[in-house]
């Protein structure tokens, strides 16, 4: 090829490279009429908001590389006159960069620019394995005027949107919610056990029964808060009716002893050998032996009554006790049982 032709091709290649890289990125000598493409604003239509929200949620979980695709090589770069741009990282290389970032716990630490936690805010990973807020990195690039890592000063770099920090933040939130819920359930279970099971410690046991008694008193007060006197009178009427029922049952159950039953009761009295009236505490007449009053000339013999419960009393003492008793059918002063009596 003649030297003149080479010079023409070289000059044309340099001119194309300068025009495309320095003057206008979308201008080309091969198609000078091609204009820069403009992004179309999305039109909001009714009925698509829900699908847009779902698509936005899916995009939030998706990881992708920021920045436009690299432009095609110019003629100068193809001829080797100008160095070609560096090729973009592949998925395997991004995987290794992310593994290195995870080992360094970049997502668990605050953003190196604003020194705040990432939480759910957009997060970007650089090809040098450093992580920043997406807004913070964009502001840093506008301020510095070039793409240089704020930590390691590496330039240029590629940027990839990741969601590691948001996943870690959701995990911490879920763990905290579970811890609070378990604590609430444990405290609720402990309060229930504390109210139902008596402790072994003496002081705690006393407090336990005091609280239970206080609860009973409070429930009693709440029940009779309208009229205490009427409530107590109802209780008295219930008790009196219950007493009458039990007395009727005792009358039906206690039958009058026969003659042989009285003989057996007398033998029990003799075996017991108690010869004092339990009411007046004076001597009684023995069923088989002469009494002390019979041996004394200045004392008169007092009538004695034998009860069906095998207890002995002076007749006058027992009649006075029966007159003093409020019940319609009095009971034995000693054993409190219904009785039949016999004068001996």
C-alpha atoms as a PDB file:
ATOM      1  CA  UNK A   1       0.000   0.000   0.000  1.00  0.00           C
ATOM      2  CA  UNK A   2       1.434   3.381  -0.903  1.00  0.00           C
ATOM      3  CA  UNK A   3       2.561   5.613   1.899  1.00  0.00           C
ATOM      4  CA  UNK A   4       0.106   8.297   0.876  1.00  0.00           C
ATOM      5  CA  UNK A   5      -2.830   5.921   1.264  1.00  0.00           C
ATOM      6  CA  UNK A   6      -1.653   4.880   4.731  1.00  0.00           C
ATOM      7  CA  UNK A   7      -1.404   8.500   5.795  1.00  0.00           C
ATOM      8  CA  UNK A   8      -4.904   9.179   4.509  1.00  0.00           C
ATOM      9  CA  UNK A   9      -6.350   6.199   6.366  1.00  0.00           C
ATOM     10  CA  UNK A  10      -4.455   7.114   9.550  1.00  0.00           C
ATOM     11  CA  UNK A  11      -5.591  10.710   9.471  1.00  0.00           C
ATOM     12  CA  UNK A  12      -9.173   9.676   8.823  1.00  0.00           C
ATOM     13  CA  UNK A  13      -9.016   7.186  11.693  1.00  0.00           C
ATOM     14  CA  UNK A  14      -7.656   9.834  14.098  1.00  0.00           C
ATOM     15  CA  UNK A  15     -10.256  12.323  12.969  1.00  0.00           C
ATOM     16  CA  UNK A  16     -13.072   9.834  13.521  1.00  0.00           C
ATOM     17  CA  UNK A  17     -11.701   8.948  16.953  1.00  0.00           C
ATOM     18  CA  UNK A  18     -11.456  12.599  17.989  1.00  0.00           C
ATOM     19  CA  UNK A  19     -14.922  13.410  16.727  1.00  0.00           C
ATOM     20  CA  UNK A  20     -16.553  10.424  18.488  1.00  0.00           C
ATOM     21  CA  UNK A  21     -14.691  10.536  21.791  1.00  0.00           C
ATOM     22  CA  UNK A  22     -14.050  14.248  22.323  1.00  0.00           C
ATOM     23  CA  UNK A  23     -16.561  16.312  20.382  1.00  0.00           C
ATOM     24  CA  UNK A  24     -19.758  14.231  20.336  1.00  0.00           C
ATOM     25  CA  UNK A  25     -20.116  10.662  21.530  1.00  0.00           C
ATOM     26  CA  UNK A  26     -22.863   9.811  19.016  1.00  0.00           C
ATOM     27  CA  UNK A  27     -21.308  11.530  15.967  1.00  0.00           C
ATOM     28  CA  UNK A  28     -19.738   9.377  13.263  1.00  0.00           C
ATOM     29  CA  UNK A  29     -18.198  10.142   9.901  1.00  0.00           C
ATOM     30  CA  UNK A  30     -19.876   7.113   8.413  1.00  0.00           C
ATOM     31  CA  UNK A  31     -23.332   8.461   9.366  1.00  0.00           C
ATOM     32  CA  UNK A  32     -23.073  12.229  10.057  1.00  0.00           C
ATOM     33  CA  UNK A  33     -26.831  12.687  10.013  1.00  0.00           C
ATOM     34  CA  UNK A  34     -27.403  10.291  12.915  1.00  0.00           C
ATOM     35  CA  UNK A  35     -28.726  12.194  15.887  1.00  0.00           C
ATOM     36  CA  UNK A  36     -28.426  11.477  19.513  1.00  0.00           C
ATOM     37  CA  UNK A  37     -31.199   9.286  20.777  1.00  0.00           C
ATOM     38  CA  UNK A  38     -33.366  10.755  23.414  1.00  0.00           C
ATOM     39  CA  UNK A  39     -35.034   8.841  26.149  1.00  0.00           C
ATOM     40  CA  UNK A  40     -38.801   8.789  26.034  1.00  0.00           C
ATOM     41  CA  UNK A  41     -40.659   9.726  29.153  1.00  0.00           C
ATOM     42  CA  UNK A  42     -42.873   6.942  30.318  1.00  0.00           C
ATOM     43  CA  UNK A  43     -46.547   7.660  30.049  1.00  0.00           C
ATOM     44  CA  UNK A  44     -48.583   6.966  33.142  1.00  0.00           C
ATOM     45  CA  UNK A  45     -51.772   5.160  32.317  1.00  0.00           C
ATOM     46  CA  UNK A  46     -54.573   4.075  34.522  1.00  0.00           C
ATOM     47  CA  UNK A  47     -54.663   0.441  35.583  1.00  0.00           C
ATOM     48  CA  UNK A  48     -50.912  -0.164  35.404  1.00  0.00           C
ATOM     49  CA  UNK A  49     -49.891   1.192  38.804  1.00  0.00           C
ATOM     50  CA  UNK A  50     -50.104  -2.194  40.464  1.00  0.00           C
ATOM     51  CA  UNK A  51     -47.987  -3.864  37.773  1.00  0.00           C
ATOM     52  CA  UNK A  52     -45.505  -1.039  38.011  1.00  0.00           C
ATOM     53  CA  UNK A  53     -45.200  -1.585  41.765  1.00  0.00           C
ATOM     54  CA  UNK A  54     -44.660  -5.306  41.288  1.00  0.00           C
ATOM     55  CA  UNK A  55     -42.081  -4.681  38.570  1.00  0.00           C
ATOM     56  CA  UNK A  56     -40.356  -2.127  40.810  1.00  0.00           C
ATOM     57  CA  UNK A  57     -40.159  -4.648  43.646  1.00  0.00           C
ATOM     58  CA  UNK A  58     -38.597  -7.200  41.316  1.00  0.00           C
ATOM     59  CA  UNK A  59     -36.102  -4.613  40.110  1.00  0.00           C
ATOM     60  CA  UNK A  60     -35.156  -3.791  43.683  1.00  0.00           C
ATOM     61  CA  UNK A  61     -34.138  -7.411  44.250  1.00  0.00           C
ATOM     62  CA  UNK A  62     -32.292  -7.658  40.927  1.00  0.00           C
ATOM     63  CA  UNK A  63     -28.575  -6.880  40.666  1.00  0.00           C
ATOM     64  CA  UNK A  64     -27.333  -5.145  37.558  1.00  0.00           C
ATOM     65  CA  UNK A  65     -24.383  -3.073  36.302  1.00  0.00           C
ATOM     66  CA  UNK A  66     -24.837   0.680  36.051  1.00  0.00           C
ATOM     67  CA  UNK A  67     -23.715   2.724  33.080  1.00  0.00           C
ATOM     68  CA  UNK A  68     -24.381   2.410  29.338  1.00  0.00           C
ATOM     69  CA  UNK A  69     -22.929  -0.328  27.204  1.00  0.00           C
ATOM     70  CA  UNK A  70     -19.408   0.429  25.875  1.00  0.00           C
ATOM     71  CA  UNK A  71     -19.438   2.184  22.462  1.00  0.00           C
ATOM     72  CA  UNK A  72     -18.138   0.318  19.437  1.00  0.00           C
ATOM     73  CA  UNK A  73     -14.430   0.580  18.713  1.00  0.00           C
ATOM     74  CA  UNK A  74     -13.346   3.408  16.491  1.00  0.00           C
ATOM     75  CA  UNK A  75     -11.208   2.883  13.370  1.00  0.00           C
ATOM     76  CA  UNK A  76      -8.134   4.123  15.212  1.00  0.00           C
ATOM     77  CA  UNK A  77      -8.689   1.624  18.009  1.00  0.00           C
ATOM     78  CA  UNK A  78      -9.206  -1.190  15.539  1.00  0.00           C
ATOM     79  CA  UNK A  79      -5.946  -0.285  13.742  1.00  0.00           C
ATOM     80  CA  UNK A  80      -4.096  -0.135  17.051  1.00  0.00           C
ATOM     81  CA  UNK A  81      -3.358   3.552  16.794  1.00  0.00           C
ATOM     82  CA  UNK A  82      -5.252   4.306  20.033  1.00  0.00           C
ATOM     83  CA  UNK A  83      -5.489   2.073  23.069  1.00  0.00           C
ATOM     84  CA  UNK A  84      -8.783   0.216  23.269  1.00  0.00           C
ATOM     85  CA  UNK A  85     -10.986   0.758  26.345  1.00  0.00           C
ATOM     86  CA  UNK A  86     -10.870  -1.805  29.083  1.00  0.00           C
ATOM     87  CA  UNK A  87     -13.354  -4.621  28.722  1.00  0.00           C
ATOM     88  CA  UNK A  88     -16.252  -4.756  31.207  1.00  0.00           C
ATOM     89  CA  UNK A  89     -16.197  -7.282  34.007  1.00  0.00           C
ATOM     90  CA  UNK A  90     -17.919 -10.578  33.401  1.00  0.00           C
ATOM     91  CA  UNK A  91     -20.399 -12.209  35.794  1.00  0.00           C
ATOM     92  CA  UNK A  92     -17.687 -14.484  37.199  1.00  0.00           C
ATOM     93  CA  UNK A  93     -15.454 -11.511  37.902  1.00  0.00           C
ATOM     94  CA  UNK A  94     -18.323  -9.672  39.589  1.00  0.00           C
ATOM     95  CA  UNK A  95     -18.958 -12.786  41.700  1.00  0.00           C
ATOM     96  CA  UNK A  96     -15.342 -12.763  42.915  1.00  0.00           C
ATOM     97  CA  UNK A  97     -15.542  -9.020  43.629  1.00  0.00           C
ATOM     98  CA  UNK A  98     -18.705  -9.557  45.658  1.00  0.00           C
ATOM     99  CA  UNK A  99     -17.167 -12.442  47.587  1.00  0.00           C
ATOM    100  CA  UNK A 100     -14.232 -10.217  48.491  1.00  0.00           C
ATOM    101  CA  UNK A 101     -16.658  -7.510  49.621  1.00  0.00           C
ATOM    102  CA  UNK A 102     -18.586 -10.001  51.776  1.00  0.00           C
ATOM    103  CA  UNK A 103     -15.363 -11.203  53.397  1.00  0.00           C
ATOM    104  CA  UNK A 104     -14.482  -7.602  54.238  1.00  0.00           C
ATOM    105  CA  UNK A 105     -18.051  -7.058  55.585  1.00  0.00           C
ATOM    106  CA  UNK A 106     -18.465  -3.920  53.519  1.00  0.00           C
ATOM    107  CA  UNK A 107     -22.280  -4.101  53.589  1.00  0.00           C
ATOM    108  CA  UNK A 108     -22.365  -4.505  57.374  1.00  0.00           C
ATOM    109  CA  UNK A 109     -20.357  -1.297  57.895  1.00  0.00           C
ATOM    110  CA  UNK A 110     -21.604   2.287  57.387  1.00  0.00           C
ATOM    111  CA  UNK A 111     -21.169   4.073  54.097  1.00  0.00           C
ATOM    112  CA  UNK A 112     -17.623   5.506  53.846  1.00  0.00           C
ATOM    113  CA  UNK A 113     -18.947   8.822  52.451  1.00  0.00           C
ATOM    114  CA  UNK A 114     -21.881   9.746  54.731  1.00  0.00           C
ATOM    115  CA  UNK A 115     -20.985   7.399  57.649  1.00  0.00           C
ATOM    116  CA  UNK A 116     -24.593   6.194  57.915  1.00  0.00           C
ATOM    117  CA  UNK A 117     -25.982   2.680  57.737  1.00  0.00           C
ATOM    118  CA  UNK A 118     -27.280   1.429  54.405  1.00  0.00           C
ATOM    119  CA  UNK A 119     -30.605  -0.009  55.647  1.00  0.00           C
ATOM    120  CA  UNK A 120     -33.022  -0.094  52.660  1.00  0.00           C
ATOM    121  CA  UNK A 121     -31.420   2.688  50.631  1.00  0.00           C
ATOM    122  CA  UNK A 122     -29.958   1.851  47.185  1.00  0.00           C
ATOM    123  CA  UNK A 123     -26.465   0.417  47.426  1.00  0.00           C
ATOM    124  CA  UNK A 124     -23.722   0.078  44.820  1.00  0.00           C
ATOM    125  CA  UNK A 125     -20.636  -2.130  44.624  1.00  0.00           C
ATOM    126  CA  UNK A 126     -17.521  -0.910  42.829  1.00  0.00           C
ATOM    127  CA  UNK A 127     -15.148  -3.113  40.890  1.00  0.00           C
ATOM    128  CA  UNK A 128     -12.609  -2.500  43.678  1.00  0.00           C
ATOM    129  CA  UNK A 129     -15.003  -4.287  46.137  1.00  0.00           C
ATOM    130  CA  UNK A 130     -15.973  -1.117  48.067  1.00  0.00           C
ATOM    131  CA  UNK A 131     -19.625  -0.362  48.804  1.00  0.00           C
ATOM    132  CA  UNK A 132     -21.385   3.038  49.007  1.00  0.00           C
ATOM    133  CA  UNK A 133     -24.803   4.592  48.893  1.00  0.00           C
ATOM    134  CA  UNK A 134     -25.804   5.118  45.290  1.00  0.00           C
ATOM    135  CA  UNK A 135     -26.781   8.751  45.962  1.00  0.00           C
ATOM    136  CA  UNK A 136     -23.565   9.392  47.887  1.00  0.00           C
ATOM    137  CA  UNK A 137     -21.399   8.015  45.059  1.00  0.00           C
ATOM    138  CA  UNK A 138     -23.238  10.071  42.436  1.00  0.00           C
ATOM    139  CA  UNK A 139     -22.780  13.224  44.515  1.00  0.00           C
ATOM    140  CA  UNK A 140     -19.071  12.422  44.959  1.00  0.00           C
ATOM    141  CA  UNK A 141     -18.618  11.932  41.221  1.00  0.00           C
ATOM    142  CA  UNK A 142     -20.317  15.267  40.480  1.00  0.00           C
ATOM    143  CA  UNK A 143     -18.148  17.010  43.057  1.00  0.00           C
ATOM    144  CA  UNK A 144     -14.813  15.474  41.972  1.00  0.00           C
ATOM    145  CA  UNK A 145     -15.551  15.516  38.240  1.00  0.00           C
ATOM    146  CA  UNK A 146     -14.152  12.048  37.620  1.00  0.00           C
ATOM    147  CA  UNK A 147     -14.739   8.430  38.590  1.00  0.00           C
ATOM    148  CA  UNK A 148     -12.288   7.687  41.391  1.00  0.00           C
ATOM    149  CA  UNK A 149     -13.024   5.402  44.348  1.00  0.00           C
ATOM    150  CA  UNK A 150     -13.328   7.517  47.524  1.00  0.00           C
ATOM    151  CA  UNK A 151     -11.496   4.829  49.551  1.00  0.00           C
ATOM    152  CA  UNK A 152      -8.704   3.319  47.418  1.00  0.00           C
ATOM    153  CA  UNK A 153      -8.514   6.100  44.732  1.00  0.00           C
ATOM    154  CA  UNK A 154      -8.769   3.552  41.954  1.00  0.00           C
ATOM    155  CA  UNK A 155      -9.923   4.844  38.576  1.00  0.00           C
ATOM    156  CA  UNK A 156     -11.777   4.142  36.497  1.00  0.00           C
ATOM    157  CA  UNK A 157     -14.199   1.650  38.038  1.00  0.00           C
ATOM    158  CA  UNK A 158     -17.407  -0.104  37.231  1.00  0.00           C
ATOM    159  CA  UNK A 159     -20.514   0.105  39.358  1.00  0.00           C
ATOM    160  CA  UNK A 160     -23.044  -2.623  40.165  1.00  0.00           C
ATOM    161  CA  UNK A 161     -26.272  -2.319  42.141  1.00  0.00           C
ATOM    162  CA  UNK A 162     -26.513  -4.919  44.948  1.00  0.00           C
ATOM    163  CA  UNK A 163     -28.981  -5.641  47.773  1.00  0.00           C
ATOM    164  CA  UNK A 164     -26.768  -7.201  50.453  1.00  0.00           C
ATOM    165  CA  UNK A 165     -27.256  -4.386  52.970  1.00  0.00           C
ATOM    166  CA  UNK A 166     -31.050  -4.388  52.582  1.00  0.00           C
ATOM    167  CA  UNK A 167     -31.149  -8.160  53.145  1.00  0.00           C
ATOM    168  CA  UNK A 168     -28.972  -7.823  56.230  1.00  0.00           C
ATOM    169  CA  UNK A 169     -31.186  -5.016  57.538  1.00  0.00           C
ATOM    170  CA  UNK A 170     -34.368  -7.078  56.986  1.00  0.00           C
ATOM    171  CA  UNK A 171     -32.736 -10.029  58.738  1.00  0.00           C
ATOM    172  CA  UNK A 172     -31.796  -7.873  61.732  1.00  0.00           C
ATOM    173  CA  UNK A 173     -35.319  -6.449  61.878  1.00  0.00           C
ATOM    174  CA  UNK A 174     -36.875  -9.924  61.731  1.00  0.00           C
ATOM    175  CA  UNK A 175     -34.484 -11.157  64.430  1.00  0.00           C
ATOM    176  CA  UNK A 176     -35.354  -8.222  66.673  1.00  0.00           C
ATOM    177  CA  UNK A 177     -39.089  -8.728  66.146  1.00  0.00           C
ATOM    178  CA  UNK A 178     -38.761 -12.424  66.980  1.00  0.00           C
ATOM    179  CA  UNK A 179     -36.714 -11.604  70.087  1.00  0.00           C
ATOM    180  CA  UNK A 180     -39.341  -9.125  71.289  1.00  0.00           C
ATOM    181  CA  UNK A 181     -42.126 -11.621  70.605  1.00  0.00           C
ATOM    182  CA  UNK A 182     -40.322 -14.443  72.433  1.00  0.00           C
ATOM    183  CA  UNK A 183     -39.673 -12.111  75.354  1.00  0.00           C
ATOM    184  CA  UNK A 184     -43.342 -11.115  75.460  1.00  0.00           C
ATOM    185  CA  UNK A 185     -44.484 -14.757  75.402  1.00  0.00           C
ATOM    186  CA  UNK A 186     -41.933 -15.733  78.090  1.00  0.00           C
ATOM    187  CA  UNK A 187     -43.065 -12.877  80.354  1.00  0.00           C
ATOM    188  CA  UNK A 188     -46.711 -13.782  79.781  1.00  0.00           C
ATOM    189  CA  UNK A 189     -45.990 -17.445  80.594  1.00  0.00           C
ATOM    190  CA  UNK A 190     -44.063 -16.439  83.727  1.00  0.00           C
ATOM    191  CA  UNK A 191     -46.908 -14.221  84.940  1.00  0.00           C
ATOM    192  CA  UNK A 192     -49.361 -17.087  84.415  1.00  0.00           C
ATOM    193  CA  UNK A 193     -47.124 -19.547  86.279  1.00  0.00           C
ATOM    194  CA  UNK A 194     -46.578 -17.003  89.041  1.00  0.00           C
ATOM    195  CA  UNK A 195     -50.331 -16.670  89.547  1.00  0.00           C
ATOM    196  CA  UNK A 196     -51.160 -20.394  89.465  1.00  0.00           C
ATOM    197  CA  UNK A 197     -48.222 -22.241  91.089  1.00  0.00           C
ATOM    198  CA  UNK A 198     -47.279 -21.676  94.721  1.00  0.00           C
ATOM    199  CA  UNK A 199     -43.527 -21.000  95.170  1.00  0.00           C
ATOM    200  CA  UNK A 200     -41.376 -22.971  97.616  1.00  0.00           C
ATOM    201  CA  UNK A 201     -39.769 -20.017  99.316  1.00  0.00           C
ATOM    202  CA  UNK A 202     -41.518 -19.082 102.570  1.00  0.00           C
ATOM    203  CA  UNK A 203     -41.606 -15.349 101.902  1.00  0.00           C
ATOM    204  CA  UNK A 204     -42.756 -15.795  98.297  1.00  0.00           C
ATOM    205  CA  UNK A 205     -45.389 -18.302  99.392  1.00  0.00           C
ATOM    206  CA  UNK A 206     -46.769 -15.770 101.830  1.00  0.00           C
ATOM    207  CA  UNK A 207     -46.914 -13.111  99.128  1.00  0.00           C
ATOM    208  CA  UNK A 208     -48.606 -15.625  96.808  1.00  0.00           C
ATOM    209  CA  UNK A 209     -51.415 -16.365  99.257  1.00  0.00           C
ATOM    210  CA  UNK A 210     -51.764 -12.693 100.154  1.00  0.00           C
ATOM    211  CA  UNK A 211     -52.259 -11.803  96.497  1.00  0.00           C
ATOM    212  CA  UNK A 212     -54.777 -14.617  96.020  1.00  0.00           C
ATOM    213  CA  UNK A 213     -56.707 -13.500  99.083  1.00  0.00           C
ATOM    214  CA  UNK A 214     -56.647  -9.931  97.839  1.00  0.00           C
ATOM    215  CA  UNK A 215     -58.049 -11.079  94.493  1.00  0.00           C
ATOM    216  CA  UNK A 216     -60.848 -12.932  96.270  1.00  0.00           C
ATOM    217  CA  UNK A 217     -61.650  -9.890  98.370  1.00  0.00           C
ATOM    218  CA  UNK A 218     -61.684  -7.668  95.303  1.00  0.00           C
ATOM    219  CA  UNK A 219     -64.001 -10.030  93.448  1.00  0.00           C
ATOM    220  CA  UNK A 220     -66.277 -10.178  96.504  1.00  0.00           C
ATOM    221  CA  UNK A 221     -66.402  -6.378  96.661  1.00  0.00           C
ATOM    222  CA  UNK A 222     -67.086  -6.120  92.940  1.00  0.00           C
ATOM    223  CA  UNK A 223     -69.890  -8.638  93.264  1.00  0.00           C
ATOM    224  CA  UNK A 224     -71.653  -6.850  96.125  1.00  0.00           C
ATOM    225  CA  UNK A 225     -70.847  -3.271  95.211  1.00  0.00           C
ATOM    226  CA  UNK A 226     -74.566  -2.416  94.812  1.00  0.00           C
ATOM    227  CA  UNK A 227     -75.975  -3.263  98.267  1.00  0.00           C
ATOM    228  CA  UNK A 228     -73.823  -4.994 100.884  1.00  0.00           C
ATOM    229  CA  UNK A 229     -76.595  -5.368 103.453  1.00  0.00           C
ATOM    230  CA  UNK A 230     -78.912  -7.079 100.989  1.00  0.00           C
ATOM    231  CA  UNK A 231     -76.118  -9.405  99.933  1.00  0.00           C
ATOM    232  CA  UNK A 232     -75.329 -10.376 103.541  1.00  0.00           C
ATOM    233  CA  UNK A 233     -79.017 -10.908 104.309  1.00  0.00           C
ATOM    234  CA  UNK A 234     -79.228 -13.262 101.324  1.00  0.00           C
ATOM    235  CA  UNK A 235     -76.314 -15.205 102.763  1.00  0.00           C
ATOM    236  CA  UNK A 236     -78.029 -15.439 106.173  1.00  0.00           C
ATOM    237  CA  UNK A 237     -81.227 -16.712 104.595  1.00  0.00           C
ATOM    238  CA  UNK A 238     -79.289 -19.310 102.641  1.00  0.00           C
ATOM    239  CA  UNK A 239     -77.509 -20.493 105.785  1.00  0.00           C
ATOM    240  CA  UNK A 240     -80.725 -20.726 107.801  1.00  0.00           C
ATOM    241  CA  UNK A 241     -82.439 -22.720 105.062  1.00  0.00           C
ATOM    242  CA  UNK A 242     -79.436 -25.037 104.889  1.00  0.00           C
ATOM    243  CA  UNK A 243     -79.545 -25.551 108.658  1.00  0.00           C
ATOM    244  CA  UNK A 244     -83.237 -26.439 108.519  1.00  0.00           C
ATOM    245  CA  UNK A 245     -82.611 -28.997 105.800  1.00  0.00           C
ATOM    246  CA  UNK A 246     -79.777 -30.631 107.757  1.00  0.00           C
ATOM    247  CA  UNK A 247     -81.841 -30.679 110.948  1.00  0.00           C
ATOM    248  CA  UNK A 248     -84.672 -32.425 109.161  1.00  0.00           C
ATOM    249  CA  UNK A 249     -82.231 -34.982 107.847  1.00  0.00           C
ATOM    250  CA  UNK A 250     -80.865 -35.539 111.352  1.00  0.00           C
ATOM    251  CA  UNK A 251     -84.355 -36.035 112.742  1.00  0.00           C
ATOM    252  CA  UNK A 252     -85.092 -38.609 110.091  1.00  0.00           C
ATOM    253  CA  UNK A 253     -81.784 -40.382 110.541  1.00  0.00           C
ATOM    254  CA  UNK A 254     -81.819 -40.523 114.388  1.00  0.00           C
ATOM    255  CA  UNK A 255     -84.310 -43.140 115.612  1.00  0.00           C
ATOM    256  CA  UNK A 256     -85.283 -43.663 119.225  1.00  0.00           C
ATOM    257  CA  UNK A 257     -83.196 -46.437 120.874  1.00  0.00           C
ATOM    258  CA  UNK A 258     -84.830 -49.658 122.051  1.00  0.00           C
ATOM    259  CA  UNK A 259     -84.415 -51.237 125.474  1.00  0.00           C
ATOM    260  CA  UNK A 260     -81.423 -53.336 124.494  1.00  0.00           C
ATOM    261  CA  UNK A 261     -79.852 -50.214 122.956  1.00  0.00           C
ATOM    262  CA  UNK A 262     -80.182 -48.391 126.272  1.00  0.00           C
ATOM    263  CA  UNK A 263     -78.478 -51.325 128.037  1.00  0.00           C
ATOM    264  CA  UNK A 264     -75.577 -51.105 125.601  1.00  0.00           C
ATOM    265  CA  UNK A 265     -75.351 -47.319 126.131  1.00  0.00           C
ATOM    266  CA  UNK A 266     -75.282 -47.842 129.928  1.00  0.00           C
ATOM    267  CA  UNK A 267     -72.422 -50.313 129.565  1.00  0.00           C
ATOM    268  CA  UNK A 268     -70.467 -47.686 127.582  1.00  0.00           C
ATOM    269  CA  UNK A 269     -71.038 -45.148 130.373  1.00  0.00           C
ATOM    270  CA  UNK A 270     -69.829 -47.598 133.002  1.00  0.00           C
ATOM    271  CA  UNK A 271     -66.697 -48.388 130.983  1.00  0.00           C
ATOM    272  CA  UNK A 272     -65.955 -44.678 130.570  1.00  0.00           C
ATOM    273  CA  UNK A 273     -66.319 -44.127 134.363  1.00  0.00           C
ATOM    274  CA  UNK A 274     -66.953 -40.405 134.217  1.00  0.00           C
ATOM    275  CA  UNK A 275     -69.257 -39.401 137.083  1.00  0.00           C
ATOM    276  CA  UNK A 276     -69.315 -35.606 136.815  1.00  0.00           C
ATOM    277  CA  UNK A 277     -71.887 -33.506 134.995  1.00  0.00           C
ATOM    278  CA  UNK A 278     -70.117 -31.744 132.080  1.00  0.00           C
ATOM    279  CA  UNK A 279     -72.318 -28.667 132.552  1.00  0.00           C
ATOM    280  CA  UNK A 280     -72.176 -27.958 136.292  1.00  0.00           C
ATOM    281  CA  UNK A 281     -69.078 -30.092 136.999  1.00  0.00           C
ATOM    282  CA  UNK A 282     -70.654 -31.700 140.069  1.00  0.00           C
ATOM    283  CA  UNK A 283     -70.988 -35.373 140.893  1.00  0.00           C
ATOM    284  CA  UNK A 284     -73.528 -37.630 139.190  1.00  0.00           C
ATOM    285  CA  UNK A 285     -75.268 -40.764 140.491  1.00  0.00           C
ATOM    286  CA  UNK A 286     -73.458 -43.951 139.506  1.00  0.00           C
ATOM    287  CA  UNK A 287     -75.456 -46.460 137.561  1.00  0.00           C
ATOM    288  CA  UNK A 288     -74.138 -49.355 139.674  1.00  0.00           C
ATOM    289  CA  UNK A 289     -72.533 -47.827 142.794  1.00  0.00           C
ATOM    290  CA  UNK A 290     -73.903 -45.450 145.383  1.00  0.00           C
ATOM    291  CA  UNK A 291     -73.089 -41.841 144.667  1.00  0.00           C
ATOM    292  CA  UNK A 292     -71.157 -39.465 146.828  1.00  0.00           C
ATOM    293  CA  UNK A 293     -74.306 -37.469 147.521  1.00  0.00           C
ATOM    294  CA  UNK A 294     -76.059 -40.591 148.801  1.00  0.00           C
ATOM    295  CA  UNK A 295     -73.231 -41.183 151.256  1.00  0.00           C
ATOM    296  CA  UNK A 296     -73.506 -37.583 152.461  1.00  0.00           C
ATOM    297  CA  UNK A 297     -76.552 -36.910 154.546  1.00  0.00           C
ATOM    298  CA  UNK A 298     -76.493 -33.152 153.974  1.00  0.00           C
ATOM    299  CA  UNK A 299     -76.616 -33.458 150.158  1.00  0.00           C
ATOM    300  CA  UNK A 300     -79.725 -34.411 148.199  1.00  0.00           C
ATOM    301  CA  UNK A 301     -79.675 -36.756 145.230  1.00  0.00           C
ATOM    302  CA  UNK A 302     -80.220 -34.925 141.817  1.00  0.00           C
ATOM    303  CA  UNK A 303     -81.966 -36.703 138.881  1.00  0.00           C
ATOM    304  CA  UNK A 304     -79.632 -37.845 136.083  1.00  0.00           C
ATOM    305  CA  UNK A 305     -80.403 -38.066 132.371  1.00  0.00           C
ATOM    306  CA  UNK A 306     -78.724 -40.510 129.975  1.00  0.00           C
ATOM    307  CA  UNK A 307     -78.472 -39.460 126.304  1.00  0.00           C
ATOM    308  CA  UNK A 308     -78.438 -41.780 123.314  1.00  0.00           C
ATOM    309  CA  UNK A 309     -74.868 -40.590 122.584  1.00  0.00           C
ATOM    310  CA  UNK A 310     -73.793 -42.198 125.953  1.00  0.00           C
ATOM    311  CA  UNK A 311     -73.280 -38.888 127.831  1.00  0.00           C
ATOM    312  CA  UNK A 312     -74.672 -38.216 131.342  1.00  0.00           C
ATOM    313  CA  UNK A 313     -76.029 -34.873 132.599  1.00  0.00           C
ATOM    314  CA  UNK A 314     -78.093 -33.583 135.480  1.00  0.00           C
ATOM    315  CA  UNK A 315     -81.699 -33.263 134.363  1.00  0.00           C
ATOM    316  CA  UNK A 316     -81.918 -29.640 135.461  1.00  0.00           C
ATOM    317  CA  UNK A 317     -78.622 -28.752 133.765  1.00  0.00           C
ATOM    318  CA  UNK A 318     -79.701 -30.329 130.472  1.00  0.00           C
ATOM    319  CA  UNK A 319     -83.123 -28.631 130.586  1.00  0.00           C
ATOM    320  CA  UNK A 320     -81.442 -25.279 131.203  1.00  0.00           C
ATOM    321  CA  UNK A 321     -79.106 -25.910 128.260  1.00  0.00           C
ATOM    322  CA  UNK A 322     -82.025 -26.830 125.992  1.00  0.00           C
ATOM    323  CA  UNK A 323     -83.888 -23.689 127.011  1.00  0.00           C
ATOM    324  CA  UNK A 324     -80.793 -21.581 126.331  1.00  0.00           C
ATOM    325  CA  UNK A 325     -80.196 -23.159 122.881  1.00  0.00           C
ATOM    326  CA  UNK A 326     -81.686 -21.296 119.902  1.00  0.00           C
ATOM    327  CA  UNK A 327     -82.186 -24.405 117.763  1.00  0.00           C
ATOM    328  CA  UNK A 328     -85.551 -26.112 117.687  1.00  0.00           C
ATOM    329  CA  UNK A 329     -83.864 -29.451 118.278  1.00  0.00           C
ATOM    330  CA  UNK A 330     -80.852 -29.019 120.570  1.00  0.00           C
ATOM    331  CA  UNK A 331     -77.738 -31.133 120.259  1.00  0.00           C
ATOM    332  CA  UNK A 332     -75.481 -32.757 122.842  1.00  0.00           C
ATOM    333  CA  UNK A 333     -73.288 -30.176 124.616  1.00  0.00           C
ATOM    334  CA  UNK A 334     -70.259 -32.473 124.200  1.00  0.00           C
ATOM    335  CA  UNK A 335     -70.464 -34.223 120.807  1.00  0.00           C
ATOM    336  CA  UNK A 336     -72.954 -31.850 119.102  1.00  0.00           C
ATOM    337  CA  UNK A 337     -75.141 -34.691 117.826  1.00  0.00           C
ATOM    338  CA  UNK A 338     -78.896 -35.101 117.981  1.00  0.00           C
ATOM    339  CA  UNK A 339     -80.034 -37.313 120.844  1.00  0.00           C
ATOM    340  CA  UNK A 340     -82.802 -39.054 122.710  1.00  0.00           C
ATOM    341  CA  UNK A 341     -82.763 -38.940 126.514  1.00  0.00           C
ATOM    342  CA  UNK A 342     -83.792 -41.249 129.316  1.00  0.00           C
ATOM    343  CA  UNK A 343     -84.157 -40.483 133.017  1.00  0.00           C
ATOM    344  CA  UNK A 344     -82.209 -42.861 135.236  1.00  0.00           C
END
